[in-house]
Amino acid sequence: MKITKVEAIPVWYEPTDEYHALFGSGKKKGTMVHAREGWFANIEYKENVFVKISTDEGVTGWGEACAHPVTSETQAGILSTVALFGRTIMGKDPFQIGAIHAGLDHLFLQGNAGARSAIDIALYDIMGKASNQPVYNLLGGAYQKTFGQLATMPRAEPKRMAEHAQALLAKGYTCFEPKMTGHLESLDADADRLEAMIEVVPGSALVIADPNQMWGTAKDTIEIFTRRFAGVANVAIEQPVPFHDLKGLAAITAAIPQKVVADEAIQNLGTMIQIAADKPADMVSLKLGKCGGFYKALQMMRIAEAANLPVRIDWTQGSALLDTATGHLHAAVRLVGCDPGMDYQLRIKDRPVKEGGVQLQKGKLVMPEAPGLGLTVDEKLVRKLSQRR
């Protein structure tokens, strides 16, 4: 089997009200809802890229990438990079995934993780279809194919956040990631929101505060957790300090009993090795778009698990294709930190997956058994979405 064509298709999604609530569209002037709202708030369309890879045996695979500040990629940049990567992998056997990634590493030592991820996902889709296996079997097999899900929540007043958490619990959500803004208001204001949520969710539901690096110093985080959350076991903190401050992250982990999650600190395989060796956190957060696809995400996952670090899989912002791909990665996790974030598709109105994919059944996510990603892309709609701008 040989790759015969790699096509990048830009798409513009129409955001839902849930999208605008999460990223602070139309918020009161002078306030902040999300640390990255300067990138995402008040947009007309969410910009993504679909990747379609064809082979000489008629097997086609699909992937998707999102423009995002964590990977420093714009839609235009992804299109250009996929074109370059496509020329590099043309004529290659999709099953030679290691050699393909080695070739992409030769082009770019770092960066372009979203573009690489879209190509990688499409190649795994091809390999799964050609071998009649779901992608999770290509990742070593599924430890779980049915699971709950994590809710990413917009920052709001404490009472509203508590009510939102209760509504999500009723829908079957098992854990929560409320957005925080730290010193842009105050850490105590963030703590008020966390306390309101903790009062209404069961002790088994993990509440992971996510300031996206905006809680200042390690000392600030240690002080607020010690003063406000002593004895509270089901609250955690994700990446409160800048991604490069691994010593600060380690100081927090050493000082508080609650779980500390490394997210933006994981930039590549090298930083994952360092985190596994030094353990500046209690858990690691992996995203397909940030890791560069299944191939390297799986390497990072196994490095973490070898160091006895639990793994949580978070969403990569896109359609049901990316939510389903995220589910395949979560299915392969042996040491699960919490249920995954897999509901980004609720934040866009368009439905480019017309059949299959991950399904919600009685409040639980159920992975498909079909080959590859286990879904059918509505190519006609994808082409239509590419004409919006």
Protein backbone atom coordinates (compact mmCIF):
# COMPACT_ATOMS: atom_id res chain seq x y z
CA MET A 1 0.00 0.00 0.00
CA LYS A 2 1.30 3.45 -0.94
CA ILE A 3 0.15 6.99 -0.18
CA THR A 4 -0.98 8.64 -3.41
CA LYS A 5 -2.53 11.93 -2.25
CA VAL A 6 -2.55 14.16 0.83
CA GLU A 7 -5.15 16.91 0.81
CA ALA A 8 -5.64 19.70 3.35
CA ILE A 9 -9.15 21.19 3.44
CA PRO A 10 -9.75 24.35 5.51
CA VAL A 11 -13.09 24.44 7.35
CA TRP A 12 -14.89 27.21 9.19
CA TYR A 13 -17.23 26.01 11.94
CA GLU A 14 -20.09 28.06 13.33
CA PRO A 15 -19.70 28.20 17.14
CA THR A 16 -22.57 27.38 19.50
CA ASP A 17 -23.68 29.31 22.56
CA GLU A 18 -21.64 26.85 24.67
CA TYR A 19 -18.55 27.86 22.73
CA HIS A 20 -19.15 31.56 23.31
CA ALA A 21 -19.82 30.99 27.01
CA LEU A 22 -16.58 29.02 27.48
CA PHE A 23 -14.35 31.51 25.72
CA GLY A 24 -15.89 34.77 26.95
CA SER A 25 -17.67 36.13 23.88
CA GLY A 26 -19.79 39.15 24.75
CA LYS A 27 -18.53 39.30 28.34
CA LYS A 28 -18.65 42.40 30.48
CA LYS A 29 -15.86 44.83 29.61
CA GLY A 30 -12.91 44.65 31.98
CA THR A 31 -13.58 41.07 33.07
CA MET A 32 -12.11 37.79 31.88
CA VAL A 33 -13.69 34.35 31.51
CA HIS A 34 -10.86 32.35 29.91
CA ALA A 35 -7.10 32.84 29.87
CA ARG A 36 -6.99 32.54 26.07
CA GLU A 37 -10.07 34.52 25.16
CA GLY A 38 -7.94 36.96 23.16
CA TRP A 39 -7.55 34.14 20.65
CA PHE A 40 -11.04 32.60 20.79
CA ALA A 41 -13.63 35.12 21.98
CA ASN A 42 -16.15 36.84 19.69
CA ILE A 43 -15.14 34.95 16.57
CA GLU A 44 -17.57 34.37 13.71
CA TYR A 45 -16.10 31.00 12.78
CA LYS A 46 -13.80 28.44 14.41
CA GLU A 47 -10.93 27.63 12.03
CA ASN A 48 -9.86 24.00 11.55
CA VAL A 49 -8.33 21.86 8.81
CA PHE A 50 -9.39 18.42 7.59
CA VAL A 51 -6.77 16.13 6.09
CA LYS A 52 -7.72 13.42 3.59
CA ILE A 53 -5.09 10.81 2.66
CA SER A 54 -5.65 8.43 -0.25
CA THR A 55 -3.80 5.23 -1.14
CA ASP A 56 -3.24 3.12 -4.23
CA GLU A 57 -5.46 0.39 -2.75
CA GLY A 58 -8.47 2.66 -2.45
CA VAL A 59 -8.32 2.98 1.34
CA THR A 60 -8.82 6.57 2.53
CA GLY A 61 -8.10 8.06 5.93
CA TRP A 62 -9.27 11.28 7.58
CA GLY A 63 -7.68 13.51 10.19
CA GLU A 64 -8.35 16.98 11.60
CA ALA A 65 -6.25 19.79 13.06
CA CYS A 66 -7.26 22.92 14.96
CA ALA A 67 -5.69 26.34 14.97
CA HIS A 68 -4.65 26.82 18.58
CA PRO A 69 -2.29 28.95 20.71
CA VAL A 70 -0.85 25.95 22.59
CA THR A 71 0.72 24.66 19.38
CA SER A 72 1.18 28.20 17.98
CA GLU A 73 -0.56 27.22 14.75
CA THR A 74 -2.93 29.20 12.58
CA GLN A 75 -5.18 27.67 9.96
CA ALA A 76 -2.99 29.10 7.18
CA GLY A 77 0.12 27.67 8.81
CA ILE A 78 -1.47 24.23 9.14
CA LEU A 79 -2.42 24.25 5.44
CA SER A 80 1.14 25.09 4.42
CA THR A 81 2.68 22.54 6.75
CA VAL A 82 0.36 19.73 5.64
CA ALA A 83 1.31 20.52 2.04
CA LEU A 84 5.00 20.18 2.94
CA PHE A 85 4.44 17.04 5.00
CA GLY A 86 2.32 15.60 2.20
CA ARG A 87 5.17 15.92 -0.30
CA THR A 88 7.46 14.24 2.20
CA ILE A 89 5.27 11.18 2.80
CA MET A 90 4.04 10.71 -0.78
CA GLY A 91 4.61 7.14 -1.94
CA LYS A 92 5.25 5.84 1.58
CA ASP A 93 3.54 2.82 3.13
CA PRO A 94 1.10 4.09 5.81
CA PHE A 95 2.05 1.13 8.02
CA GLN A 96 5.62 2.44 8.24
CA ILE A 97 4.41 5.01 10.74
CA GLY A 98 7.70 5.18 12.65
CA ALA A 99 9.71 5.95 9.53
CA ILE A 100 7.12 8.53 8.47
CA HIS A 101 7.41 10.36 11.79
CA ALA A 102 11.20 10.18 11.58
CA GLY A 103 10.98 11.91 8.21
CA LEU A 104 8.73 14.63 9.65
CA ASP A 105 11.14 15.05 12.57
CA HIS A 106 13.89 15.68 10.03
CA LEU A 107 11.86 18.54 8.55
CA PHE A 108 10.92 20.18 11.87
CA LEU A 109 12.69 19.33 15.09
CA GLN A 110 9.86 20.92 17.09
CA GLY A 111 6.47 22.51 16.48
CA ASN A 112 3.70 21.95 13.93
CA ALA A 113 2.12 19.36 16.24
CA GLY A 114 -1.43 20.00 15.05
CA ALA A 115 -0.60 19.55 11.37
CA ARG A 116 1.40 16.43 12.18
CA SER A 117 -1.45 15.12 14.32
CA ALA A 118 -3.98 15.45 11.49
CA ILE A 119 -1.74 13.43 9.16
CA ASP A 120 -1.02 10.86 11.88
CA ILE A 121 -4.73 10.39 12.67
CA ALA A 122 -5.52 9.89 8.97
CA LEU A 123 -2.73 7.31 8.67
CA TYR A 124 -4.01 5.37 11.69
CA ASP A 125 -7.50 5.52 10.16
CA ILE A 126 -6.04 3.93 7.00
CA MET A 127 -4.11 1.28 8.94
CA GLY A 128 -7.22 0.37 10.94
CA LYS A 129 -9.41 0.07 7.87
CA ALA A 130 -6.80 -1.95 5.96
CA SER A 131 -6.29 -4.38 8.85
CA ASN A 132 -9.99 -4.42 9.87
CA GLN A 133 -9.14 -3.19 13.37
CA PRO A 134 -10.28 -0.18 15.41
CA VAL A 135 -7.49 2.30 16.06
CA TYR A 136 -7.28 1.49 19.77
CA ASN A 137 -6.18 -2.05 18.86
CA LEU A 138 -3.29 -0.53 16.90
CA LEU A 139 -2.31 1.32 20.09
CA GLY A 140 -1.90 -1.89 22.09
CA GLY A 141 -5.54 -2.68 22.73
CA ALA A 142 -8.28 -1.11 24.83
CA TYR A 143 -8.16 -1.07 28.61
CA GLN A 144 -11.60 0.56 28.53
CA LYS A 145 -14.11 1.09 25.74
CA THR A 146 -16.91 2.60 27.85
CA PHE A 147 -16.30 5.53 30.18
CA GLY A 148 -17.59 8.81 31.55
CA GLN A 149 -16.37 12.22 30.53
CA LEU A 150 -14.82 15.37 31.88
CA ALA A 151 -16.62 18.71 31.51
CA THR A 152 -14.66 21.83 30.61
CA MET A 153 -16.54 24.70 32.25
CA PRO A 154 -16.52 28.46 31.69
CA ARG A 155 -15.69 30.75 34.56
CA ALA A 156 -18.82 32.32 36.07
CA GLU A 157 -20.19 33.44 39.41
CA PRO A 158 -19.88 30.75 42.15
CA LYS A 159 -23.62 30.02 42.30
CA ARG A 160 -23.85 29.66 38.52
CA MET A 161 -20.85 27.34 38.44
CA ALA A 162 -22.38 25.15 41.15
CA GLU A 163 -25.67 24.98 39.24
CA HIS A 164 -23.83 24.18 36.03
CA ALA A 165 -21.92 21.36 37.74
CA GLN A 166 -25.16 19.87 39.05
CA ALA A 167 -26.71 19.98 35.57
CA LEU A 168 -23.65 18.27 34.09
CA LEU A 169 -23.74 15.58 36.77
CA ALA A 170 -27.32 14.83 35.78
CA LYS A 171 -26.10 14.29 32.19
CA GLY A 172 -23.51 11.76 33.31
CA TYR A 173 -20.34 13.84 33.56
CA THR A 174 -17.93 12.42 36.14
CA CYS A 175 -15.27 15.11 36.59
CA PHE A 176 -14.88 18.82 35.92
CA GLU A 177 -12.33 21.31 34.63
CA PRO A 178 -13.46 24.84 35.54
CA LYS A 179 -11.47 27.65 33.95
CA MET A 180 -9.73 30.10 36.28
CA THR A 181 -8.10 33.48 35.64
CA GLY A 182 -5.94 33.90 38.75
CA HIS A 183 -4.52 37.33 39.42
CA LEU A 184 -6.60 38.91 36.68
CA GLU A 185 -9.19 39.04 39.48
CA SER A 186 -7.81 37.18 42.49
CA LEU A 187 -6.95 33.67 43.57
CA ASP A 188 -9.55 33.95 46.32
CA ALA A 189 -12.22 34.67 43.69
CA ASP A 190 -11.17 31.51 41.89
CA ALA A 191 -11.24 29.62 45.20
CA ASP A 192 -14.80 30.86 45.84
CA ARG A 193 -15.87 29.27 42.56
CA LEU A 194 -14.11 26.01 43.35
CA GLU A 195 -15.65 25.81 46.81
CA ALA A 196 -19.14 26.37 45.40
CA MET A 197 -18.64 23.45 43.01
CA ILE A 198 -17.10 21.13 45.60
CA GLU A 199 -20.12 21.64 47.84
CA VAL A 200 -22.52 20.21 45.24
CA VAL A 201 -20.55 17.38 43.57
CA PRO A 202 -19.82 13.98 45.15
CA GLY A 203 -16.42 13.31 46.64
CA SER A 204 -15.73 10.88 43.80
CA ALA A 205 -15.95 13.70 41.23
CA LEU A 206 -12.56 15.30 40.66
CA VAL A 207 -12.63 19.10 40.18
CA ILE A 208 -9.50 20.20 38.31
CA ALA A 209 -8.96 23.96 38.48
CA ASP A 210 -7.34 25.14 35.24
CA PRO A 211 -5.79 28.62 35.31
CA ASN A 212 -3.82 27.96 32.10
CA GLN A 213 -0.56 29.05 33.81
CA MET A 214 -2.11 32.19 35.34
CA TRP A 215 -1.92 31.63 39.09
CA GLY A 216 1.40 33.41 39.38
CA THR A 217 4.13 31.77 41.44
CA ALA A 218 4.39 28.42 43.18
CA LYS A 219 4.14 30.29 46.48
CA ASP A 220 0.79 31.80 45.44
CA THR A 221 -0.66 28.39 44.59
CA ILE A 222 0.63 26.75 47.76
CA GLU A 223 -0.80 29.56 49.88
CA ILE A 224 -4.31 29.45 48.41
CA PHE A 225 -4.54 25.65 48.52
CA THR A 226 -3.23 25.48 52.08
CA ARG A 227 -5.57 28.21 53.31
CA ARG A 228 -8.73 27.35 51.38
CA PHE A 229 -8.64 23.61 50.61
CA ALA A 230 -7.02 21.86 53.54
CA GLY A 231 -8.58 18.41 53.81
CA VAL A 232 -10.41 18.62 50.46
CA ALA A 233 -9.38 15.55 48.50
CA ASN A 234 -11.33 15.94 45.25
CA VAL A 235 -9.87 19.25 44.10
CA ALA A 236 -6.80 19.36 41.86
CA ILE A 237 -4.80 22.05 40.09
CA GLU A 238 -3.63 21.94 36.46
CA GLN A 239 -0.60 23.92 35.33
CA PRO A 240 -0.92 26.93 37.67
CA VAL A 241 2.57 28.25 36.79
CA PRO A 242 4.21 28.92 33.39
CA PHE A 243 5.04 25.84 31.33
CA HIS A 244 8.80 26.31 31.71
CA ASP A 245 8.68 26.57 35.54
CA LEU A 246 9.14 22.88 36.35
CA LYS A 247 10.82 23.72 39.66
CA GLY A 248 7.79 25.75 40.66
CA LEU A 249 5.46 22.94 39.65
CA ALA A 250 7.56 20.51 41.71
CA ALA A 251 7.41 22.81 44.74
CA ILE A 252 3.61 22.86 44.58
CA THR A 253 3.45 19.08 44.25
CA ALA A 254 5.70 18.66 47.28
CA ALA A 255 3.75 21.15 49.40
CA ILE A 256 0.10 20.17 48.91
CA PRO A 257 -1.65 16.79 49.24
CA GLN A 258 -3.99 17.40 46.31
CA LYS A 259 -3.17 16.29 42.77
CA VAL A 260 -1.11 18.59 40.55
CA VAL A 261 -1.47 18.10 36.80
CA ALA A 262 1.17 18.96 34.19
CA ASP A 263 -0.29 20.16 30.89
CA GLU A 264 1.49 22.94 28.97
CA ALA A 265 4.74 21.79 30.61
CA ILE A 266 4.65 18.76 28.31
CA GLN A 267 6.02 20.20 25.09
CA ASN A 268 7.55 17.13 23.47
CA LEU A 269 9.05 13.72 24.22
CA GLY A 270 12.03 15.36 25.92
CA THR A 271 9.93 17.24 28.46
CA MET A 272 7.83 14.11 29.03
CA ILE A 273 11.00 12.16 29.86
CA GLN A 274 12.06 14.92 32.25
CA ILE A 275 8.67 15.00 33.97
CA ALA A 276 8.67 11.20 34.31
CA ALA A 277 12.15 11.29 35.82
CA ASP A 278 11.72 14.24 38.21
CA LYS A 279 7.97 13.94 38.91
CA PRO A 280 7.16 17.65 39.33
CA ALA A 281 3.47 16.68 39.03
CA ASP A 282 1.13 13.87 40.09
CA MET A 283 -0.62 13.46 36.73
CA VAL A 284 0.00 14.36 33.09
CA SER A 285 -2.49 15.73 30.57
CA LEU A 286 -2.10 14.63 26.94
CA LYS A 287 -3.86 15.95 23.84
CA LEU A 288 -3.55 14.54 20.33
CA GLY A 289 -3.07 17.98 18.83
CA LYS A 290 -0.36 18.91 21.30
CA CYS A 291 1.51 15.60 21.08
CA GLY A 292 1.52 15.34 17.29
CA GLY A 293 -0.94 12.46 16.92
CA PHE A 294 -1.30 8.89 18.16
CA TYR A 295 2.27 7.77 17.52
CA LYS A 296 4.00 10.22 19.84
CA ALA A 297 1.09 10.51 22.28
CA LEU A 298 1.36 6.77 22.85
CA GLN A 299 5.09 7.10 23.54
CA MET A 300 4.45 9.89 26.05
CA MET A 301 1.67 7.88 27.67
CA ARG A 302 3.84 4.80 28.19
CA ILE A 303 6.74 6.91 29.51
CA ALA A 304 4.38 8.43 32.09
CA GLU A 305 2.91 5.06 33.05
CA ALA A 306 6.37 3.55 33.43
CA ALA A 307 7.04 6.28 36.01
CA ASN A 308 3.69 5.46 37.70
CA LEU A 309 2.19 8.80 36.66
CA PRO A 310 -1.55 8.67 35.91
CA VAL A 311 -2.62 9.98 32.51
CA ARG A 312 -5.62 12.10 31.59
CA ILE A 313 -6.61 12.59 27.96
CA ASP A 314 -8.00 16.00 27.09
CA TRP A 315 -9.85 17.20 24.04
CA THR A 316 -8.35 18.54 20.83
CA GLN A 317 -10.73 21.22 19.61
CA GLY A 318 -12.71 19.92 16.66
CA SER A 319 -15.58 17.86 15.36
CA ALA A 320 -16.78 14.40 16.36
CA LEU A 321 -13.80 13.08 14.38
CA LEU A 322 -11.36 14.56 16.90
CA ASP A 323 -13.55 13.62 19.86
CA THR A 324 -13.60 10.03 18.58
CA ALA A 325 -9.85 10.04 17.99
CA THR A 326 -9.42 11.30 21.56
CA GLY A 327 -11.54 8.36 22.72
CA HIS A 328 -9.29 5.87 20.92
CA LEU A 329 -6.30 7.32 22.76
CA HIS A 330 -8.10 7.21 26.12
CA ALA A 331 -9.15 3.62 25.51
CA ALA A 332 -5.46 2.67 25.38
CA VAL A 333 -4.54 4.32 28.73
CA ARG A 334 -3.54 1.80 31.37
CA LEU A 335 -3.11 4.20 34.31
CA VAL A 336 -6.18 6.45 34.04
CA GLY A 337 -6.05 9.73 35.93
CA CYS A 338 -9.68 10.63 35.22
CA ASP A 339 -12.24 10.37 32.44
CA PRO A 340 -11.39 12.23 29.21
CA GLY A 341 -12.52 15.53 27.74
CA MET A 342 -14.42 14.51 24.60
CA ASP A 343 -17.33 16.89 24.07
CA TYR A 344 -15.85 19.69 22.00
CA GLN A 345 -18.26 18.83 19.18
CA LEU A 346 -21.01 20.39 21.35
CA ARG A 347 -19.34 23.76 20.79
CA ILE A 348 -19.79 23.76 17.01
CA LYS A 349 -23.06 23.68 15.08
CA ASP A 350 -21.73 21.77 12.07
CA ARG A 351 -21.66 17.95 11.95
CA PRO A 352 -19.01 16.78 9.43
CA VAL A 353 -19.19 13.22 10.80
CA LYS A 354 -22.38 11.74 9.37
CA GLU A 355 -22.17 8.23 10.79
CA GLY A 356 -20.45 6.26 13.55
CA GLY A 357 -17.86 7.58 15.94
CA VAL A 358 -18.08 7.70 19.71
CA GLN A 359 -21.66 7.44 21.02
CA LEU A 360 -23.28 8.65 24.21
CA GLN A 361 -25.40 5.87 25.73
CA LYS A 362 -27.11 6.25 29.10
CA GLY A 363 -24.65 8.93 30.18
CA LYS A 364 -21.58 6.90 29.14
CA LEU A 365 -19.32 7.24 26.11
CA VAL A 366 -19.06 4.05 24.06
CA MET A 367 -16.27 3.57 21.53
CA PRO A 368 -17.02 2.12 18.09
CA GLU A 369 -15.92 -1.40 17.17
CA ALA A 370 -15.67 -0.60 13.45
CA PRO A 371 -12.27 -0.45 11.70
CA GLY A 372 -10.11 2.66 11.77
CA LEU A 373 -11.62 5.59 13.61
CA GLY A 374 -15.00 3.89 13.20
CA LEU A 375 -16.81 6.77 11.51
CA THR A 376 -17.84 8.16 8.14
CA VAL A 377 -16.95 11.72 7.20
CA ASP A 378 -19.55 13.77 5.33
CA GLU A 379 -17.15 14.89 2.62
CA LYS A 380 -19.82 16.93 0.85
CA LEU A 381 -20.35 18.98 4.03
CA VAL A 382 -16.60 19.33 4.60
CA ARG A 383 -16.25 20.78 1.09
CA LYS A 384 -19.15 23.12 1.80
CA LEU A 385 -17.56 24.30 5.06
CA SER A 386 -14.38 25.07 3.12
CA GLN A 387 -16.30 27.68 1.07
CA ARG A 388 -17.51 29.81 4.00
CA ARG A 389 -14.64 32.28 3.77
